[in-house]
Amino acid sequence: TSTPRIPPPACFWDLKSVPIITVEEAKRRQSVCSFCEDDGEDDALPTLRNQSALLENMHVEQLAQSLPARVQGYPWKLVYSTQEHGTSLKTLYRNSSSLDSPVLLVVRDMDNQIFGAYATHAFRFSDHYYGTGETFLFTFNPIFKDFKWSGENTYFINGDVTSLELGGGDGKFGLWLDADLYHGRSNSCNTFNNDILSKKEDFVVQDLEVWTFE
């Protein structure tokens, strides 16, 4: 009987049909694949042009989902930070004076609670309330919750040399900050029908940031 024919081992196959890939090319392809995978994972996260002392990816992701459609997808830019600019409401106003876009106010108090507000207009000196119904309050105490406009009044944003206020009615503010951005207060207010954002009504600010969208 004839011996069955055994195919030659792979090393004897025609190498002309096998593409040759250099180590550099293999690394490049792996890098591209990794980038694509990472890009898919981070699709939900907007780009932060600056480092935040307060916001982690979890905060950014949940806040981004609550933002109005007109600012979604835009990078976030840090306009004011107490760590960088000191604790002064006047400086906050000055840094915001050239803005023509909504802003995001983020506060961390001495109890390490994070909360704040999305404002449709940049903070400025004003003798009356301004802003629109897209303005809202939020808190991460103990889990993320946002408080949209109730429709009861239009006391969205107001600021002067002594304080910054968001939400109001019956002498109570959803979020109030003093001129030194040190003492703050949060009450349930008619504008947003919100919970108290901090653990207690009166709080002391540890850090504060204001972001805009560009």
Protein backbone atom coordinates (compact mmCIF):
# COMPACT_ATOMS: atom_id res chain seq x y z
CA THR A 1 0.00 0.00 0.00
CA SER A 2 1.09 3.52 -0.67
CA THR A 3 1.89 5.80 2.24
CA PRO A 4 -0.74 8.56 2.69
CA ARG A 5 0.53 11.94 1.68
CA ILE A 6 1.08 14.27 4.66
CA PRO A 7 0.76 18.01 4.01
CA PRO A 8 3.98 19.91 4.54
CA PRO A 9 4.27 21.79 7.82
CA ALA A 10 3.17 25.42 7.84
CA CYS A 11 6.74 26.62 7.75
CA PHE A 12 7.07 25.18 4.23
CA TRP A 13 3.99 26.90 2.84
CA ASP A 14 4.35 29.63 0.25
CA LEU A 15 5.43 32.66 2.25
CA LYS A 16 4.62 34.97 -0.67
CA SER A 17 0.94 34.81 0.30
CA VAL A 18 1.59 35.71 3.95
CA PRO A 19 1.68 39.47 4.65
CA ILE A 20 4.72 40.57 6.61
CA ILE A 21 3.91 42.93 9.51
CA THR A 22 6.69 44.70 11.31
CA VAL A 23 6.71 45.05 15.08
CA GLU A 24 6.05 48.77 14.70
CA GLU A 25 3.00 48.13 12.51
CA ALA A 26 1.64 45.57 14.97
CA LYS A 27 1.99 48.06 17.82
CA ARG A 28 0.33 50.77 15.73
CA ARG A 29 -2.65 48.53 14.94
CA GLN A 30 -2.98 47.54 18.58
CA SER A 31 -2.86 51.20 19.59
CA VAL A 32 -5.57 52.12 17.09
CA CYS A 33 -7.79 49.29 18.32
CA SER A 34 -7.28 50.34 21.93
CA PHE A 35 -8.11 53.94 21.05
CA CYS A 36 -11.33 52.85 19.33
CA GLU A 37 -12.36 50.78 22.34
CA ASP A 38 -11.57 53.57 24.79
CA ASP A 39 -13.37 56.09 22.62
CA GLY A 40 -16.49 53.97 22.72
CA GLU A 41 -16.36 53.69 26.48
CA ASP A 42 -15.97 57.46 26.97
CA ASP A 43 -18.68 58.49 24.52
CA ALA A 44 -20.98 59.51 27.36
CA LEU A 45 -18.38 61.75 29.00
CA PRO A 46 -17.84 65.31 27.81
CA THR A 47 -14.29 66.60 27.60
CA LEU A 48 -13.06 68.67 30.54
CA ARG A 49 -10.47 71.16 29.31
CA ASN A 50 -9.22 71.66 32.86
CA GLN A 51 -8.62 69.45 35.86
CA SER A 52 -11.45 69.52 38.39
CA ALA A 53 -10.80 69.37 42.12
CA LEU A 54 -14.41 68.35 42.72
CA LEU A 55 -15.80 66.32 39.84
CA GLU A 56 -15.01 62.67 39.19
CA ASN A 57 -16.14 60.80 36.07
CA MET A 58 -19.22 59.58 37.91
CA HIS A 59 -20.31 63.16 38.65
CA VAL A 60 -19.60 64.35 35.12
CA GLU A 61 -21.52 61.50 33.52
CA GLN A 62 -24.63 62.01 35.64
CA LEU A 63 -24.59 65.78 35.25
CA ALA A 64 -24.10 65.53 31.48
CA GLN A 65 -27.26 63.43 31.18
CA SER A 66 -29.29 66.18 32.89
CA LEU A 67 -27.97 69.07 30.79
CA PRO A 68 -30.19 70.66 28.13
CA ALA A 69 -29.59 69.36 24.61
CA ARG A 70 -28.13 72.67 23.43
CA VAL A 71 -25.01 72.27 25.58
CA GLN A 72 -24.57 68.50 25.39
CA GLY A 73 -21.45 67.42 23.55
CA TYR A 74 -19.58 70.65 24.18
CA PRO A 75 -16.30 70.58 26.14
CA TRP A 76 -16.39 71.99 29.67
CA LYS A 77 -14.05 74.87 30.50
CA LEU A 78 -13.20 75.98 34.04
CA VAL A 79 -14.00 79.67 34.51
CA TYR A 80 -13.58 80.05 38.24
CA SER A 81 -12.14 77.96 41.06
CA THR A 82 -11.65 78.91 44.70
CA GLN A 83 -8.44 76.87 44.70
CA GLU A 84 -7.06 78.93 41.82
CA HIS A 85 -8.73 82.34 42.17
CA GLY A 86 -9.45 82.65 45.89
CA THR A 87 -12.80 83.08 47.63
CA SER A 88 -14.47 86.16 46.20
CA LEU A 89 -17.87 86.59 44.58
CA LYS A 90 -16.55 89.71 42.82
CA THR A 91 -13.81 87.65 41.16
CA LEU A 92 -16.38 85.07 40.12
CA TYR A 93 -18.45 87.83 38.49
CA ARG A 94 -15.37 89.29 36.81
CA ASN A 95 -14.29 85.92 35.39
CA SER A 96 -17.82 85.37 34.07
CA SER A 97 -18.33 88.84 32.60
CA SER A 98 -17.30 87.95 29.04
CA LEU A 99 -19.31 84.73 28.87
CA ASP A 100 -22.31 84.36 26.61
CA SER A 101 -23.13 80.78 27.54
CA PRO A 102 -24.68 78.77 30.39
CA VAL A 103 -22.58 77.87 33.42
CA LEU A 104 -22.37 75.01 35.90
CA LEU A 105 -21.80 75.86 39.57
CA VAL A 106 -20.34 73.06 41.70
CA VAL A 107 -19.92 73.31 45.48
CA ARG A 108 -18.25 70.99 47.98
CA ASP A 109 -19.00 71.82 51.60
CA MET A 110 -17.13 70.93 54.78
CA ASP A 111 -19.23 67.76 55.05
CA ASN A 112 -17.77 66.72 51.66
CA GLN A 113 -21.19 66.93 50.04
CA ILE A 114 -21.24 67.97 46.37
CA PHE A 115 -24.14 69.98 44.95
CA GLY A 116 -24.81 73.03 42.82
CA ALA A 117 -26.74 74.47 39.90
CA TYR A 118 -26.91 74.71 36.13
CA ALA A 119 -27.61 78.33 35.17
CA THR A 120 -28.74 79.34 31.69
CA HIS A 121 -26.85 82.63 31.96
CA ALA A 122 -23.44 83.50 33.41
CA PHE A 123 -23.42 84.97 36.92
CA ARG A 124 -23.37 88.78 37.04
CA PHE A 125 -24.43 91.80 39.07
CA SER A 126 -28.16 92.30 38.70
CA ASP A 127 -30.99 94.22 40.39
CA HIS A 128 -33.54 91.61 39.34
CA TYR A 129 -33.83 87.88 38.71
CA TYR A 130 -32.76 86.55 35.32
CA GLY A 131 -32.38 83.20 33.55
CA THR A 132 -34.84 80.73 32.01
CA GLY A 133 -36.67 77.55 32.95
CA GLU A 134 -33.74 75.37 31.86
CA THR A 135 -31.96 76.40 35.07
CA PHE A 136 -31.91 73.62 37.67
CA LEU A 137 -30.40 72.61 41.00
CA PHE A 138 -28.70 69.30 41.76
CA THR A 139 -27.14 67.34 44.58
CA PHE A 140 -25.12 64.16 45.06
CA ASN A 141 -26.26 63.91 48.68
CA PRO A 142 -26.48 60.95 49.00
CA ILE A 143 -27.15 60.06 45.34
CA PHE A 144 -27.53 62.24 42.26
CA LYS A 145 -30.81 64.09 41.99
CA ASP A 146 -31.72 67.14 39.93
CA PHE A 147 -34.50 69.62 40.55
CA LYS A 148 -35.96 71.19 37.44
CA TRP A 149 -38.18 74.27 37.21
CA SER A 150 -41.53 73.85 38.97
CA GLY A 151 -43.23 76.60 36.96
CA GLU A 152 -44.38 78.36 40.16
CA ASN A 153 -42.20 81.47 39.71
CA THR A 154 -39.25 82.75 37.68
CA TYR A 155 -36.76 83.43 40.48
CA PHE A 156 -33.95 81.62 38.71
CA ILE A 157 -30.72 83.62 39.26
CA ASN A 158 -29.90 86.85 41.08
CA GLY A 159 -26.61 88.30 42.22
CA ASP A 160 -25.28 91.46 43.83
CA VAL A 161 -22.17 92.42 45.80
CA THR A 162 -23.41 90.67 48.93
CA SER A 163 -24.67 87.31 47.66
CA LEU A 164 -25.57 84.96 44.81
CA GLU A 165 -29.02 83.37 44.81
CA LEU A 166 -30.56 80.56 42.76
CA GLY A 167 -34.25 79.82 43.22
CA GLY A 168 -36.52 81.66 45.61
CA GLY A 169 -39.93 82.33 47.05
CA ASP A 170 -41.26 83.20 50.52
CA GLY A 171 -37.82 84.43 51.56
CA LYS A 172 -36.16 81.05 50.97
CA PHE A 173 -33.48 80.30 48.40
CA GLY A 174 -32.68 76.99 46.74
CA LEU A 175 -28.99 77.90 46.92
CA TRP A 176 -27.50 81.03 48.50
CA LEU A 177 -23.82 82.00 48.78
CA ASP A 178 -22.28 84.99 50.56
CA ALA A 179 -19.81 87.53 49.16
CA ASP A 180 -16.80 85.54 50.40
CA LEU A 181 -18.10 82.26 48.96
CA TYR A 182 -17.62 80.84 52.43
CA HIS A 183 -21.05 80.64 54.05
CA GLY A 184 -23.97 79.15 52.19
CA ARG A 185 -27.55 78.10 52.70
CA SER A 186 -29.96 75.75 50.95
CA ASN A 187 -33.72 75.66 51.47
CA SER A 188 -36.58 74.09 49.63
CA CYS A 189 -37.87 76.85 47.34
CA ASN A 190 -40.90 77.36 45.13
CA THR A 191 -38.85 77.78 41.96
CA PHE A 192 -37.57 74.20 41.96
CA ASN A 193 -39.50 72.45 44.78
CA ASN A 194 -36.10 71.07 45.70
CA ASP A 195 -34.80 69.15 48.67
CA ILE A 196 -32.14 70.82 50.79
CA LEU A 197 -29.01 70.29 48.69
CA SER A 198 -26.58 69.98 51.62
CA LYS A 199 -26.83 67.85 54.76
CA LYS A 200 -28.09 70.86 56.71
CA GLU A 201 -29.53 74.22 55.68
CA ASP A 202 -26.46 76.26 56.59
CA PHE A 203 -23.12 75.04 55.32
CA VAL A 204 -19.52 76.16 54.94
CA VAL A 205 -17.93 76.03 51.49
CA GLN A 206 -14.78 73.95 51.14
CA ASP A 207 -14.30 74.36 47.37
CA LEU A 208 -16.29 75.88 44.53
CA GLU A 209 -15.97 75.73 40.75
CA VAL A 210 -17.79 77.36 37.84
CA TRP A 211 -17.69 75.71 34.42
CA THR A 212 -18.89 76.90 31.04
CA PHE A 213 -19.51 75.10 27.74
CA GLU A 214 -17.63 75.90 24.54
